[in-house]
Amino acid sequence: MAEVKLFGAWASAFSIRIEMALKLKGVEYEYIEEDLNNKSPLLLKYNPVYKKIPVLAHNGKPIAESLVILEYIDETWEGPTLLPKDPYERAQARFWAKFLDEKCLPAMWKACWSTGEEQEKAKEEAIELLGFLDNEIKGKKFSGGDSIGLVYIVGNFVGYWFGIIAEVVGLEIVTHDKFPNFCKWINEYNSCSFVKEYLPPKDKLTARFKAWFEASHASK
């Protein structure tokens, strides 16, 4: 049997994505929790470039970066596919996955943790991007198909983590009036039995982000 190890962190949306994909494919794996303040020598060996989680080690061969890992899992193991078979639909799934990671996530993160003029600019950008997302979701599941797939899994940060962080820092961006389709999708996403199995407890995440928020303000 192939040896599969996942180096991750319980509070990381990127790490949870990989667990969801492995579960969907029915792949047995060993999970290794990393202390991100004291990273293990093996993690640094496996990911010397970015020095981050998640890292998937398959028979001793490491793969880094969550989007890359998700496609590797899809191509390596049989089972439900993460990407649609149709080339155009597959390209669209890749586009929206990158949109979530490279556009939405940074803007939403900065809107929560920055201050002053920088925060206002980040909020404006996040609102504009969420407008695109709200329009794209209208009338469909935004899953890259009818089943759980790449986009659905990659949407875990905007679907769950962002709401908790925004609540902690007192930021109101996502409202039903502004983004009715996105809000509906969030409710459906967080009610999905498969997704709920892999969402960290809200109270634990809230405590983690409160600690970060208090520490960042205490240092100013």
N, C-alpha and C. Protein backbone atom coordinates (compact mmCIF):
# COMPACT_ATOMS: atom_id res chain seq x y z
N MET A 1 0.84 -1.19 0.00
CA MET A 1 0.00 0.00 0.00
C MET A 1 0.88 1.25 0.00
N ALA A 2 0.48 2.25 -0.78
CA ALA A 2 1.24 3.49 -0.87
C ALA A 2 1.27 4.20 0.47
N GLU A 3 2.39 4.81 0.78
CA GLU A 3 2.52 5.59 2.01
C GLU A 3 2.15 7.04 1.72
N VAL A 4 1.14 7.53 2.43
CA VAL A 4 0.68 8.90 2.22
C VAL A 4 0.71 9.63 3.55
N LYS A 5 1.43 10.75 3.59
CA LYS A 5 1.50 11.57 4.79
C LYS A 5 1.10 12.99 4.45
N LEU A 6 0.35 13.60 5.35
CA LEU A 6 -0.06 14.99 5.18
C LEU A 6 0.46 15.81 6.34
N PHE A 7 1.29 16.80 6.03
CA PHE A 7 1.77 17.74 7.03
C PHE A 7 0.84 18.95 6.99
N GLY A 8 0.17 19.20 8.10
CA GLY A 8 -0.83 20.27 8.10
C GLY A 8 -0.94 20.95 9.44
N ALA A 9 -1.97 21.77 9.58
CA ALA A 9 -2.27 22.47 10.82
C ALA A 9 -3.78 22.56 10.96
N TRP A 10 -4.28 22.31 12.13
CA TRP A 10 -5.72 22.15 12.33
C TRP A 10 -6.51 23.42 11.96
N ALA A 11 -5.90 24.60 12.13
CA ALA A 11 -6.63 25.86 11.89
C ALA A 11 -6.47 26.35 10.46
N SER A 12 -5.75 25.63 9.62
CA SER A 12 -5.46 26.08 8.27
C SER A 12 -6.51 25.60 7.28
N ALA A 13 -7.13 26.57 6.58
CA ALA A 13 -8.08 26.21 5.53
C ALA A 13 -7.38 25.45 4.41
N PHE A 14 -6.13 25.79 4.14
CA PHE A 14 -5.38 25.13 3.07
C PHE A 14 -5.12 23.66 3.41
N SER A 15 -4.83 23.41 4.66
CA SER A 15 -4.58 22.04 5.11
C SER A 15 -5.86 21.21 5.07
N ILE A 16 -6.96 21.80 5.52
CA ILE A 16 -8.24 21.09 5.55
C ILE A 16 -8.69 20.69 4.15
N ARG A 17 -8.36 21.52 3.16
CA ARG A 17 -8.71 21.19 1.77
C ARG A 17 -8.17 19.81 1.38
N ILE A 18 -6.94 19.57 1.75
CA ILE A 18 -6.29 18.31 1.35
C ILE A 18 -6.94 17.13 2.05
N GLU A 19 -7.29 17.31 3.32
CA GLU A 19 -7.98 16.24 4.03
C GLU A 19 -9.32 15.92 3.36
N MET A 20 -10.03 16.95 2.94
CA MET A 20 -11.32 16.76 2.28
C MET A 20 -11.15 15.97 0.98
N ALA A 21 -10.14 16.33 0.21
CA ALA A 21 -9.90 15.65 -1.07
C ALA A 21 -9.50 14.19 -0.87
N LEU A 22 -8.64 13.94 0.11
CA LEU A 22 -8.21 12.57 0.39
C LEU A 22 -9.39 11.72 0.84
N LYS A 23 -10.24 12.30 1.68
CA LYS A 23 -11.43 11.59 2.15
C LYS A 23 -12.36 11.28 0.98
N LEU A 24 -12.55 12.26 0.10
CA LEU A 24 -13.43 12.09 -1.04
C LEU A 24 -12.95 10.93 -1.93
N LYS A 25 -11.64 10.79 -2.04
CA LYS A 25 -11.05 9.74 -2.87
C LYS A 25 -10.91 8.41 -2.13
N GLY A 26 -11.14 8.44 -0.81
CA GLY A 26 -10.99 7.22 -0.03
C GLY A 26 -9.55 6.81 0.20
N VAL A 27 -8.65 7.80 0.28
CA VAL A 27 -7.23 7.52 0.46
C VAL A 27 -6.88 7.50 1.94
N GLU A 28 -6.23 6.44 2.38
CA GLU A 28 -5.76 6.38 3.76
C GLU A 28 -4.45 7.15 3.87
N TYR A 29 -4.31 7.92 4.95
CA TYR A 29 -3.11 8.74 5.09
C TYR A 29 -2.79 8.95 6.57
N GLU A 30 -1.56 9.33 6.82
CA GLU A 30 -1.12 9.70 8.17
C GLU A 30 -1.09 11.21 8.24
N TYR A 31 -1.77 11.77 9.23
CA TYR A 31 -1.80 13.21 9.40
C TYR A 31 -0.75 13.62 10.43
N ILE A 32 0.06 14.62 10.10
CA ILE A 32 1.11 15.11 11.00
C ILE A 32 0.86 16.59 11.27
N GLU A 33 0.48 16.90 12.49
CA GLU A 33 0.20 18.28 12.89
C GLU A 33 1.52 19.04 13.08
N GLU A 34 1.64 20.17 12.39
CA GLU A 34 2.84 20.99 12.48
C GLU A 34 2.63 22.17 13.42
N ASP A 35 3.65 22.48 14.19
CA ASP A 35 3.69 23.70 14.98
C ASP A 35 4.30 24.77 14.08
N LEU A 36 3.47 25.71 13.61
CA LEU A 36 3.96 26.67 12.63
C LEU A 36 4.95 27.67 13.20
N ASN A 37 5.08 27.70 14.52
CA ASN A 37 6.10 28.54 15.16
C ASN A 37 7.40 27.79 15.36
N ASN A 38 7.34 26.49 15.15
CA ASN A 38 8.53 25.64 15.33
C ASN A 38 8.42 24.48 14.34
N LYS A 39 8.61 24.78 13.08
CA LYS A 39 8.38 23.81 12.02
C LYS A 39 9.38 22.67 12.08
N SER A 40 8.89 21.49 11.79
CA SER A 40 9.73 20.29 11.89
C SER A 40 10.79 20.26 10.79
N PRO A 41 11.93 19.64 11.07
CA PRO A 41 12.97 19.51 10.04
C PRO A 41 12.46 18.80 8.78
N LEU A 42 11.54 17.85 8.95
CA LEU A 42 11.03 17.10 7.81
C LEU A 42 10.18 18.00 6.91
N LEU A 43 9.37 18.87 7.52
CA LEU A 43 8.58 19.81 6.72
C LEU A 43 9.49 20.74 5.94
N LEU A 44 10.53 21.26 6.59
CA LEU A 44 11.46 22.18 5.93
C LEU A 44 12.25 21.46 4.84
N LYS A 45 12.49 20.18 5.03
CA LYS A 45 13.17 19.38 4.00
C LYS A 45 12.24 19.18 2.81
N TYR A 46 10.98 18.87 3.09
CA TYR A 46 10.02 18.58 2.02
C TYR A 46 9.57 19.85 1.28
N ASN A 47 9.57 20.98 1.96
CA ASN A 47 9.13 22.23 1.31
C ASN A 47 10.13 23.35 1.62
N PRO A 48 11.35 23.23 1.07
CA PRO A 48 12.39 24.22 1.38
C PRO A 48 12.14 25.58 0.74
N VAL A 49 11.32 25.64 -0.29
CA VAL A 49 11.08 26.91 -0.99
C VAL A 49 10.13 27.80 -0.21
N TYR A 50 8.94 27.27 0.10
CA TYR A 50 7.92 28.08 0.80
C TYR A 50 7.92 27.88 2.31
N LYS A 51 8.42 26.71 2.75
CA LYS A 51 8.49 26.40 4.18
C LYS A 51 7.10 26.49 4.84
N LYS A 52 6.07 26.04 4.11
CA LYS A 52 4.70 26.15 4.61
C LYS A 52 3.98 24.81 4.50
N ILE A 53 2.86 24.72 5.24
CA ILE A 53 1.94 23.62 5.06
C ILE A 53 0.83 24.09 4.11
N PRO A 54 0.13 23.18 3.47
CA PRO A 54 0.24 21.74 3.58
C PRO A 54 1.32 21.18 2.65
N VAL A 55 1.82 20.03 3.04
CA VAL A 55 2.70 19.23 2.17
C VAL A 55 2.17 17.81 2.20
N LEU A 56 2.03 17.24 1.02
CA LEU A 56 1.63 15.83 0.90
C LEU A 56 2.86 15.05 0.49
N ALA A 57 3.17 14.00 1.24
CA ALA A 57 4.28 13.12 0.89
C ALA A 57 3.71 11.78 0.45
N HIS A 58 3.94 11.43 -0.80
CA HIS A 58 3.42 10.18 -1.38
C HIS A 58 4.62 9.28 -1.68
N ASN A 59 4.74 8.23 -0.90
CA ASN A 59 5.90 7.34 -1.01
C ASN A 59 7.21 8.12 -0.93
N GLY A 60 7.24 9.07 0.00
CA GLY A 60 8.45 9.84 0.24
C GLY A 60 8.67 11.00 -0.71
N LYS A 61 7.80 11.15 -1.70
CA LYS A 61 7.94 12.26 -2.66
C LYS A 61 7.00 13.39 -2.26
N PRO A 62 7.54 14.58 -1.95
CA PRO A 62 6.70 15.68 -1.46
C PRO A 62 6.06 16.50 -2.57
N ILE A 63 4.83 16.94 -2.31
CA ILE A 63 4.12 17.87 -3.19
C ILE A 63 3.64 19.01 -2.30
N ALA A 64 3.92 20.24 -2.71
CA ALA A 64 3.55 21.42 -1.91
C ALA A 64 2.55 22.29 -2.66
N GLU A 65 1.91 23.20 -1.92
CA GLU A 65 0.91 24.14 -2.41
C GLU A 65 -0.42 23.44 -2.65
N SER A 66 -1.46 23.93 -1.97
CA SER A 66 -2.73 23.20 -1.91
C SER A 66 -3.37 22.96 -3.28
N LEU A 67 -3.36 23.94 -4.18
CA LEU A 67 -3.98 23.73 -5.49
C LEU A 67 -3.23 22.66 -6.29
N VAL A 68 -1.92 22.67 -6.18
CA VAL A 68 -1.10 21.66 -6.85
C VAL A 68 -1.38 20.28 -6.26
N ILE A 69 -1.47 20.23 -4.94
CA ILE A 69 -1.74 18.95 -4.27
C ILE A 69 -3.10 18.40 -4.66
N LEU A 70 -4.10 19.27 -4.74
CA LEU A 70 -5.46 18.82 -5.08
C LEU A 70 -5.49 18.20 -6.48
N GLU A 71 -4.81 18.82 -7.43
CA GLU A 71 -4.78 18.26 -8.78
C GLU A 71 -3.99 16.96 -8.80
N TYR A 72 -2.93 16.88 -8.01
CA TYR A 72 -2.15 15.64 -7.92
C TYR A 72 -3.02 14.50 -7.38
N ILE A 73 -3.77 14.78 -6.33
CA ILE A 73 -4.67 13.78 -5.75
C ILE A 73 -5.68 13.32 -6.79
N ASP A 74 -6.23 14.27 -7.54
CA ASP A 74 -7.24 13.93 -8.53
C ASP A 74 -6.68 13.04 -9.63
N GLU A 75 -5.43 13.29 -10.03
CA GLU A 75 -4.82 12.52 -11.11
C GLU A 75 -4.24 11.18 -10.64
N THR A 76 -3.97 11.07 -9.34
CA THR A 76 -3.28 9.89 -8.84
C THR A 76 -4.23 8.78 -8.39
N TRP A 77 -5.34 9.16 -7.76
CA TRP A 77 -6.23 8.16 -7.19
C TRP A 77 -7.59 8.13 -7.89
N GLU A 78 -8.13 6.94 -7.97
CA GLU A 78 -9.47 6.79 -8.54
C GLU A 78 -10.51 7.26 -7.54
N GLY A 79 -11.74 7.36 -8.01
CA GLY A 79 -12.81 7.82 -7.14
C GLY A 79 -13.47 9.05 -7.73
N PRO A 80 -14.31 9.72 -6.98
CA PRO A 80 -14.97 10.94 -7.48
C PRO A 80 -13.94 11.95 -7.97
N THR A 81 -14.19 12.54 -9.12
CA THR A 81 -13.23 13.48 -9.69
C THR A 81 -13.41 14.88 -9.11
N LEU A 82 -12.29 15.56 -8.90
CA LEU A 82 -12.32 16.93 -8.39
C LEU A 82 -12.50 17.94 -9.52
N LEU A 83 -12.04 17.58 -10.71
CA LEU A 83 -12.16 18.45 -11.87
C LEU A 83 -13.11 17.83 -12.89
N PRO A 84 -13.94 18.65 -13.54
CA PRO A 84 -14.84 18.12 -14.57
C PRO A 84 -14.06 17.50 -15.72
N LYS A 85 -14.66 16.57 -16.43
CA LYS A 85 -13.99 15.92 -17.57
C LYS A 85 -13.98 16.81 -18.80
N ASP A 86 -15.02 17.63 -18.97
CA ASP A 86 -15.09 18.51 -20.12
C ASP A 86 -13.97 19.55 -20.04
N PRO A 87 -13.16 19.73 -21.10
CA PRO A 87 -12.02 20.64 -21.05
C PRO A 87 -12.39 22.08 -20.69
N TYR A 88 -13.49 22.58 -21.23
CA TYR A 88 -13.90 23.95 -20.93
C TYR A 88 -14.32 24.08 -19.47
N GLU A 89 -15.12 23.14 -18.99
CA GLU A 89 -15.56 23.19 -17.60
C GLU A 89 -14.37 23.02 -16.65
N ARG A 90 -13.39 22.20 -17.07
CA ARG A 90 -12.19 22.02 -16.24
C ARG A 90 -11.40 23.32 -16.17
N ALA A 91 -11.29 24.01 -17.31
CA ALA A 91 -10.59 25.30 -17.33
C ALA A 91 -11.31 26.31 -16.45
N GLN A 92 -12.64 26.32 -16.48
CA GLN A 92 -13.41 27.24 -15.65
C GLN A 92 -13.22 26.94 -14.17
N ALA A 93 -13.17 25.67 -13.82
CA ALA A 93 -12.95 25.29 -12.42
C ALA A 93 -11.59 25.77 -11.94
N ARG A 94 -10.58 25.61 -12.78
CA ARG A 94 -9.23 26.10 -12.42
C ARG A 94 -9.23 27.62 -12.27
N PHE A 95 -9.95 28.30 -13.18
CA PHE A 95 -10.01 29.77 -13.13
C PHE A 95 -10.60 30.24 -11.81
N TRP A 96 -11.74 29.67 -11.41
CA TRP A 96 -12.42 30.14 -10.21
C TRP A 96 -11.66 29.73 -8.94
N ALA A 97 -10.97 28.59 -8.99
CA ALA A 97 -10.14 28.20 -7.85
C ALA A 97 -9.01 29.21 -7.65
N LYS A 98 -8.37 29.61 -8.75
CA LYS A 98 -7.30 30.62 -8.67
C LYS A 98 -7.87 31.98 -8.26
N PHE A 99 -9.05 32.30 -8.75
CA PHE A 99 -9.70 33.56 -8.39
C PHE A 99 -9.91 33.63 -6.87
N LEU A 100 -10.37 32.53 -6.29
CA LEU A 100 -10.59 32.49 -4.85
C LEU A 100 -9.28 32.66 -4.09
N ASP A 101 -8.24 31.97 -4.54
CA ASP A 101 -6.98 31.97 -3.81
C ASP A 101 -6.14 33.22 -4.04
N GLU A 102 -6.10 33.70 -5.28
CA GLU A 102 -5.18 34.77 -5.63
C GLU A 102 -5.80 36.16 -5.60
N LYS A 103 -7.13 36.23 -5.64
CA LYS A 103 -7.81 37.52 -5.63
C LYS A 103 -8.63 37.72 -4.35
N CYS A 104 -9.61 36.82 -4.14
CA CYS A 104 -10.53 37.00 -3.00
C CYS A 104 -9.83 36.87 -1.65
N LEU A 105 -9.12 35.79 -1.47
CA LEU A 105 -8.54 35.51 -0.15
C LEU A 105 -7.60 36.62 0.32
N PRO A 106 -6.65 37.09 -0.50
CA PRO A 106 -5.76 38.17 -0.02
C PRO A 106 -6.51 39.45 0.34
N ALA A 107 -7.49 39.83 -0.50
CA ALA A 107 -8.24 41.06 -0.23
C ALA A 107 -9.07 40.93 1.04
N MET A 108 -9.72 39.80 1.22
CA MET A 108 -10.56 39.59 2.40
C MET A 108 -9.70 39.53 3.66
N TRP A 109 -8.55 38.88 3.56
CA TRP A 109 -7.63 38.78 4.69
C TRP A 109 -7.13 40.16 5.09
N LYS A 110 -6.70 40.95 4.09
CA LYS A 110 -6.17 42.28 4.36
C LYS A 110 -7.26 43.19 4.93
N ALA A 111 -8.49 43.04 4.44
CA ALA A 111 -9.60 43.85 4.94
C ALA A 111 -9.83 43.60 6.42
N CYS A 112 -9.56 42.40 6.87
CA CYS A 112 -9.76 42.05 8.28
C CYS A 112 -8.62 42.53 9.17
N TRP A 113 -7.38 42.37 8.71
CA TRP A 113 -6.25 42.56 9.60
C TRP A 113 -5.52 43.89 9.45
N SER A 114 -5.80 44.62 8.37
CA SER A 114 -5.12 45.92 8.22
C SER A 114 -5.93 47.03 8.90
N THR A 115 -5.43 48.23 8.85
CA THR A 115 -6.11 49.37 9.48
C THR A 115 -6.05 50.59 8.57
N GLY A 116 -6.86 51.59 8.91
CA GLY A 116 -6.80 52.88 8.23
C GLY A 116 -7.08 52.82 6.75
N GLU A 117 -6.31 53.58 5.98
CA GLU A 117 -6.52 53.69 4.54
C GLU A 117 -6.30 52.36 3.83
N GLU A 118 -5.32 51.61 4.31
CA GLU A 118 -5.04 50.30 3.71
C GLU A 118 -6.25 49.38 3.85
N GLN A 119 -6.89 49.42 5.00
CA GLN A 119 -8.07 48.59 5.23
C GLN A 119 -9.23 49.01 4.33
N GLU A 120 -9.43 50.32 4.18
CA GLU A 120 -10.52 50.81 3.35
C GLU A 120 -10.35 50.37 1.90
N LYS A 121 -9.12 50.43 1.40
CA LYS A 121 -8.84 49.99 0.03
C LYS A 121 -9.08 48.49 -0.11
N ALA A 122 -8.68 47.73 0.90
CA ALA A 122 -8.87 46.29 0.87
C ALA A 122 -10.36 45.94 0.92
N LYS A 123 -11.13 46.68 1.72
CA LYS A 123 -12.57 46.46 1.79
C LYS A 123 -13.24 46.72 0.44
N GLU A 124 -12.85 47.80 -0.21
CA GLU A 124 -13.41 48.12 -1.53
C GLU A 124 -13.09 47.02 -2.53
N GLU A 125 -11.85 46.53 -2.48
CA GLU A 125 -11.45 45.46 -3.41
C GLU A 125 -12.23 44.18 -3.11
N ALA A 126 -12.35 43.86 -1.83
CA ALA A 126 -13.07 42.64 -1.44
C ALA A 126 -14.53 42.71 -1.88
N ILE A 127 -15.15 43.86 -1.72
CA ILE A 127 -16.56 44.03 -2.11
C ILE A 127 -16.71 43.87 -3.62
N GLU A 128 -15.77 44.44 -4.37
CA GLU A 128 -15.83 44.30 -5.84
C GLU A 128 -15.69 42.84 -6.26
N LEU A 129 -14.73 42.14 -5.66
CA LEU A 129 -14.49 40.74 -6.01
C LEU A 129 -15.67 39.85 -5.61
N LEU A 130 -16.24 40.13 -4.45
CA LEU A 130 -17.39 39.35 -4.00
C LEU A 130 -18.60 39.59 -4.90
N GLY A 131 -18.64 40.77 -5.52
CA GLY A 131 -19.71 41.03 -6.48
C GLY A 131 -19.61 40.09 -7.68
N PHE A 132 -18.38 39.87 -8.17
CA PHE A 132 -18.16 38.91 -9.25
C PHE A 132 -18.59 37.51 -8.81
N LEU A 133 -18.20 37.16 -7.59
CA LEU A 133 -18.50 35.84 -7.06
C LEU A 133 -20.00 35.65 -6.89
N ASP A 134 -20.67 36.66 -6.37
CA ASP A 134 -22.11 36.59 -6.16
C ASP A 134 -22.84 36.37 -7.48
N ASN A 135 -22.39 37.05 -8.51
CA ASN A 135 -23.00 36.90 -9.82
C ASN A 135 -22.74 35.52 -10.42
N GLU A 136 -21.53 35.00 -10.21
CA GLU A 136 -21.18 33.69 -10.75
C GLU A 136 -21.97 32.58 -10.08
N ILE A 137 -22.22 32.72 -8.80
CA ILE A 137 -22.93 31.69 -8.03
C ILE A 137 -24.41 31.65 -8.35
N LYS A 138 -24.96 32.73 -8.81
CA LYS A 138 -26.41 32.84 -9.03
C LYS A 138 -26.97 31.67 -9.84
N GLY A 139 -27.89 30.95 -9.21
CA GLY A 139 -28.58 29.85 -9.89
C GLY A 139 -27.80 28.57 -10.01
N LYS A 140 -26.62 28.49 -9.38
CA LYS A 140 -25.87 27.23 -9.42
C LYS A 140 -25.11 27.01 -8.12
N LYS A 141 -24.54 25.82 -8.00
CA LYS A 141 -23.90 25.43 -6.75
C LYS A 141 -22.48 25.97 -6.59
N PHE A 142 -21.90 26.47 -7.70
CA PHE A 142 -20.52 26.93 -7.66
C PHE A 142 -19.58 25.84 -7.16
N SER A 143 -19.71 24.68 -7.75
CA SER A 143 -18.88 23.55 -7.32
C SER A 143 -18.04 23.01 -8.46
N GLY A 144 -18.09 23.65 -9.63
CA GLY A 144 -17.37 23.11 -10.77
C GLY A 144 -18.08 21.89 -11.31
N GLY A 145 -19.36 21.80 -11.12
CA GLY A 145 -20.15 20.64 -11.52
C GLY A 145 -21.26 20.43 -10.52
N ASP A 146 -21.94 19.30 -10.62
CA ASP A 146 -23.06 19.02 -9.72
C ASP A 146 -22.63 18.37 -8.41
N SER A 147 -21.38 17.97 -8.32
CA SER A 147 -20.90 17.30 -7.11
C SER A 147 -19.78 18.11 -6.47
N ILE A 148 -19.32 17.65 -5.32
CA ILE A 148 -18.22 18.32 -4.64
C ILE A 148 -16.96 18.18 -5.48
N GLY A 149 -16.34 19.31 -5.80
CA GLY A 149 -15.15 19.28 -6.64
C GLY A 149 -14.13 20.31 -6.20
N LEU A 150 -13.22 20.64 -7.11
CA LEU A 150 -12.11 21.52 -6.79
C LEU A 150 -12.56 22.87 -6.24
N VAL A 151 -13.46 23.54 -6.94
CA VAL A 151 -13.88 24.88 -6.52
C VAL A 151 -14.59 24.83 -5.17
N TYR A 152 -15.41 23.83 -4.99
CA TYR A 152 -16.15 23.67 -3.73
C TYR A 152 -15.19 23.53 -2.56
N ILE A 153 -14.15 22.72 -2.75
CA ILE A 153 -13.17 22.50 -1.70
C ILE A 153 -12.34 23.75 -1.45
N VAL A 154 -11.91 24.42 -2.52
CA VAL A 154 -11.10 25.63 -2.40
C VAL A 154 -11.90 26.77 -1.77
N GLY A 155 -13.22 26.71 -1.87
CA GLY A 155 -14.06 27.75 -1.29
C GLY A 155 -14.18 27.71 0.21
N ASN A 156 -13.43 26.83 0.87
CA ASN A 156 -13.62 26.67 2.32
C ASN A 156 -13.25 27.93 3.11
N PHE A 157 -12.25 28.69 2.65
CA PHE A 157 -11.87 29.89 3.40
C PHE A 157 -12.97 30.94 3.32
N VAL A 158 -13.45 31.25 2.11
CA VAL A 158 -14.48 32.28 1.99
C VAL A 158 -15.81 31.80 2.56
N GLY A 159 -16.02 30.48 2.59
CA GLY A 159 -17.27 29.94 3.10
C GLY A 159 -17.36 29.85 4.61
N TYR A 160 -16.22 29.72 5.29
CA TYR A 160 -16.25 29.47 6.73
C TYR A 160 -15.27 30.35 7.51
N TRP A 161 -14.00 30.30 7.16
CA TRP A 161 -12.98 31.02 7.93
C TRP A 161 -13.20 32.53 7.92
N PHE A 162 -13.52 33.09 6.76
CA PHE A 162 -13.65 34.54 6.67
C PHE A 162 -14.75 35.07 7.59
N GLY A 163 -15.87 34.38 7.66
CA GLY A 163 -16.96 34.84 8.51
C GLY A 163 -16.56 34.92 9.97
N ILE A 164 -15.77 33.95 10.42
CA ILE A 164 -15.31 33.92 11.81
C ILE A 164 -14.33 35.06 12.07
N ILE A 165 -13.37 35.26 11.14
CA ILE A 165 -12.39 36.33 11.31
C ILE A 165 -13.07 37.69 11.32
N ALA A 166 -14.00 37.89 10.37
CA ALA A 166 -14.71 39.17 10.28
C ALA A 166 -15.48 39.46 11.56
N GLU A 167 -16.06 38.43 12.15
CA GLU A 167 -16.80 38.59 13.40
C GLU A 167 -15.86 39.00 14.53
N VAL A 168 -14.68 38.39 14.57
CA VAL A 168 -13.71 38.68 15.62
C VAL A 168 -13.24 40.13 15.55
N VAL A 169 -12.95 40.62 14.34
CA VAL A 169 -12.41 41.97 14.19
C VAL A 169 -13.49 43.04 14.04
N GLY A 170 -14.76 42.60 14.00
CA GLY A 170 -15.87 43.55 13.91
C GLY A 170 -16.04 44.16 12.54
N LEU A 171 -15.80 43.36 11.50
CA LEU A 171 -15.90 43.84 10.12
C LEU A 171 -17.16 43.26 9.46
N GLU A 172 -17.96 44.13 8.87
CA GLU A 172 -19.16 43.66 8.19
C GLU A 172 -19.05 43.97 6.70
N ILE A 173 -18.82 42.92 5.93
CA ILE A 173 -18.72 43.04 4.48
C ILE A 173 -19.79 42.20 3.80
N VAL A 174 -19.89 40.95 4.22
CA VAL A 174 -20.82 40.01 3.58
C VAL A 174 -22.19 40.12 4.24
N THR A 175 -23.11 40.76 3.54
CA THR A 175 -24.49 40.86 4.02
C THR A 175 -25.42 40.31 2.95
N HIS A 176 -26.60 39.88 3.39
CA HIS A 176 -27.56 39.31 2.45
C HIS A 176 -28.04 40.35 1.45
N ASP A 177 -28.15 41.59 1.87
CA ASP A 177 -28.59 42.66 0.97
C ASP A 177 -27.60 42.87 -0.18
N LYS A 178 -26.31 42.81 0.14
CA LYS A 178 -25.28 43.04 -0.88
C LYS A 178 -25.02 41.80 -1.73
N PHE A 179 -24.95 40.67 -1.05
CA PHE A 179 -24.54 39.44 -1.74
C PHE A 179 -25.50 38.29 -1.41
N PRO A 180 -26.73 38.33 -1.91
CA PRO A 180 -27.73 37.31 -1.57
C PRO A 180 -27.34 35.91 -2.02
N ASN A 181 -26.75 35.79 -3.20
CA ASN A 181 -26.39 34.47 -3.74
C ASN A 181 -25.21 33.87 -2.96
N PHE A 182 -24.25 34.73 -2.63
CA PHE A 182 -23.09 34.26 -1.87
C PHE A 182 -23.50 33.83 -0.47
N CYS A 183 -24.38 34.61 0.17
CA CYS A 183 -24.85 34.26 1.51
C CYS A 183 -25.61 32.93 1.50
N LYS A 184 -26.42 32.73 0.48
CA LYS A 184 -27.14 31.46 0.34
C LYS A 184 -26.17 30.32 0.20
N TRP A 185 -25.13 30.54 -0.63
CA TRP A 185 -24.12 29.48 -0.83
C TRP A 185 -23.39 29.17 0.48
N ILE A 186 -23.05 30.20 1.25
CA ILE A 186 -22.36 29.99 2.53
C ILE A 186 -23.20 29.11 3.45
N ASN A 187 -24.49 29.39 3.53
CA ASN A 187 -25.38 28.59 4.38
C ASN A 187 -25.44 27.14 3.93
N GLU A 188 -25.54 26.94 2.63
CA GLU A 188 -25.58 25.59 2.08
C GLU A 188 -24.25 24.88 2.30
N TYR A 189 -23.16 25.61 2.12
CA TYR A 189 -21.82 25.04 2.27
C TYR A 189 -21.60 24.54 3.70
N ASN A 190 -21.90 25.40 4.65
CA ASN A 190 -21.65 25.05 6.05
C ASN A 190 -22.66 24.04 6.60
N SER A 191 -23.73 23.79 5.86
CA SER A 191 -24.72 22.78 6.26
C SER A 191 -24.45 21.43 5.62
N CYS A 192 -23.53 21.38 4.66
CA CYS A 192 -23.20 20.14 3.97
C CYS A 192 -22.54 19.17 4.95
N SER A 193 -23.06 17.97 5.07
CA SER A 193 -22.56 17.00 6.05
C SER A 193 -21.09 16.65 5.79
N PHE A 194 -20.71 16.54 4.52
CA PHE A 194 -19.31 16.23 4.19
C PHE A 194 -18.40 17.37 4.62
N VAL A 195 -18.79 18.59 4.34
CA VAL A 195 -17.98 19.75 4.70
C VAL A 195 -17.85 19.90 6.21
N LYS A 196 -18.97 19.75 6.91
CA LYS A 196 -18.98 19.94 8.37
C LYS A 196 -18.01 19.01 9.08
N GLU A 197 -17.79 17.84 8.50
CA GLU A 197 -16.88 16.87 9.10
C GLU A 197 -15.46 17.42 9.20
N TYR A 198 -15.13 18.38 8.32
CA TYR A 198 -13.76 18.88 8.26
C TYR A 198 -13.61 20.34 8.67
N LEU A 199 -14.66 20.94 9.19
CA LEU A 199 -14.55 22.32 9.65
C LEU A 199 -14.11 22.34 11.11
N PRO A 200 -13.04 23.06 11.44
CA PRO A 200 -12.63 23.16 12.85
C PRO A 200 -13.75 23.80 13.66
N PRO A 201 -13.88 23.45 14.93
CA PRO A 201 -14.92 24.05 15.77
C PRO A 201 -14.82 25.57 15.77
N LYS A 202 -15.97 26.22 15.66
CA LYS A 202 -15.98 27.68 15.58
C LYS A 202 -15.36 28.31 16.82
N ASP A 203 -15.63 27.74 18.00
CA ASP A 203 -15.11 28.35 19.22
C ASP A 203 -13.58 28.30 19.26
N LYS A 204 -12.99 27.21 18.74
CA LYS A 204 -11.53 27.10 18.72
C LYS A 204 -10.92 28.10 17.75
N LEU A 205 -11.52 28.22 16.56
CA LEU A 205 -11.01 29.19 15.60
C LEU A 205 -11.19 30.62 16.11
N THR A 206 -12.33 30.89 16.74
CA THR A 206 -12.58 32.22 17.29
C THR A 206 -11.53 32.58 18.33
N ALA A 207 -11.22 31.63 19.20
CA ALA A 207 -10.20 31.88 20.23
C ALA A 207 -8.83 32.13 19.60
N ARG A 208 -8.50 31.36 18.56
CA ARG A 208 -7.22 31.54 17.87
C ARG A 208 -7.12 32.93 17.25
N PHE A 209 -8.16 33.34 16.54
CA PHE A 209 -8.11 34.63 15.86
C PHE A 209 -8.21 35.79 16.83
N LYS A 210 -8.93 35.61 17.94
CA LYS A 210 -8.98 36.65 18.97
C LYS A 210 -7.59 36.88 19.55
N ALA A 211 -6.86 35.80 19.77
CA ALA A 211 -5.51 35.91 20.30
C ALA A 211 -4.61 36.67 19.33
N TRP A 212 -4.73 36.36 18.04
CA TRP A 212 -3.95 37.08 17.03
C TRP A 212 -4.32 38.56 17.01
N PHE A 213 -5.61 38.82 17.05
CA PHE A 213 -6.10 40.20 16.98
C PHE A 213 -5.61 41.01 18.18
N GLU A 214 -5.72 40.45 19.36
CA GLU A 214 -5.27 41.13 20.57
C GLU A 214 -3.75 41.35 20.57
N ALA A 215 -3.03 40.32 20.10
CA ALA A 215 -1.57 40.44 20.05
C ALA A 215 -1.12 41.50 19.06
N SER A 216 -1.79 41.58 17.91
CA SER A 216 -1.41 42.56 16.90
C SER A 216 -1.71 43.97 17.36
N HIS A 217 -2.79 44.16 18.12
CA HIS A 217 -3.13 45.49 18.60
C HIS A 217 -2.29 45.88 19.83
N ALA A 218 -1.88 44.90 20.59
CA ALA A 218 -1.04 45.19 21.76
C ALA A 218 0.34 45.66 21.34
N SER A 219 0.78 45.23 20.15
CA SER A 219 2.11 45.60 19.70
C SER A 219 2.15 46.97 19.01
N LYS A 220 0.98 47.61 18.84
CA LYS A 220 0.93 48.90 18.15
C LYS A 220 0.95 50.06 19.15
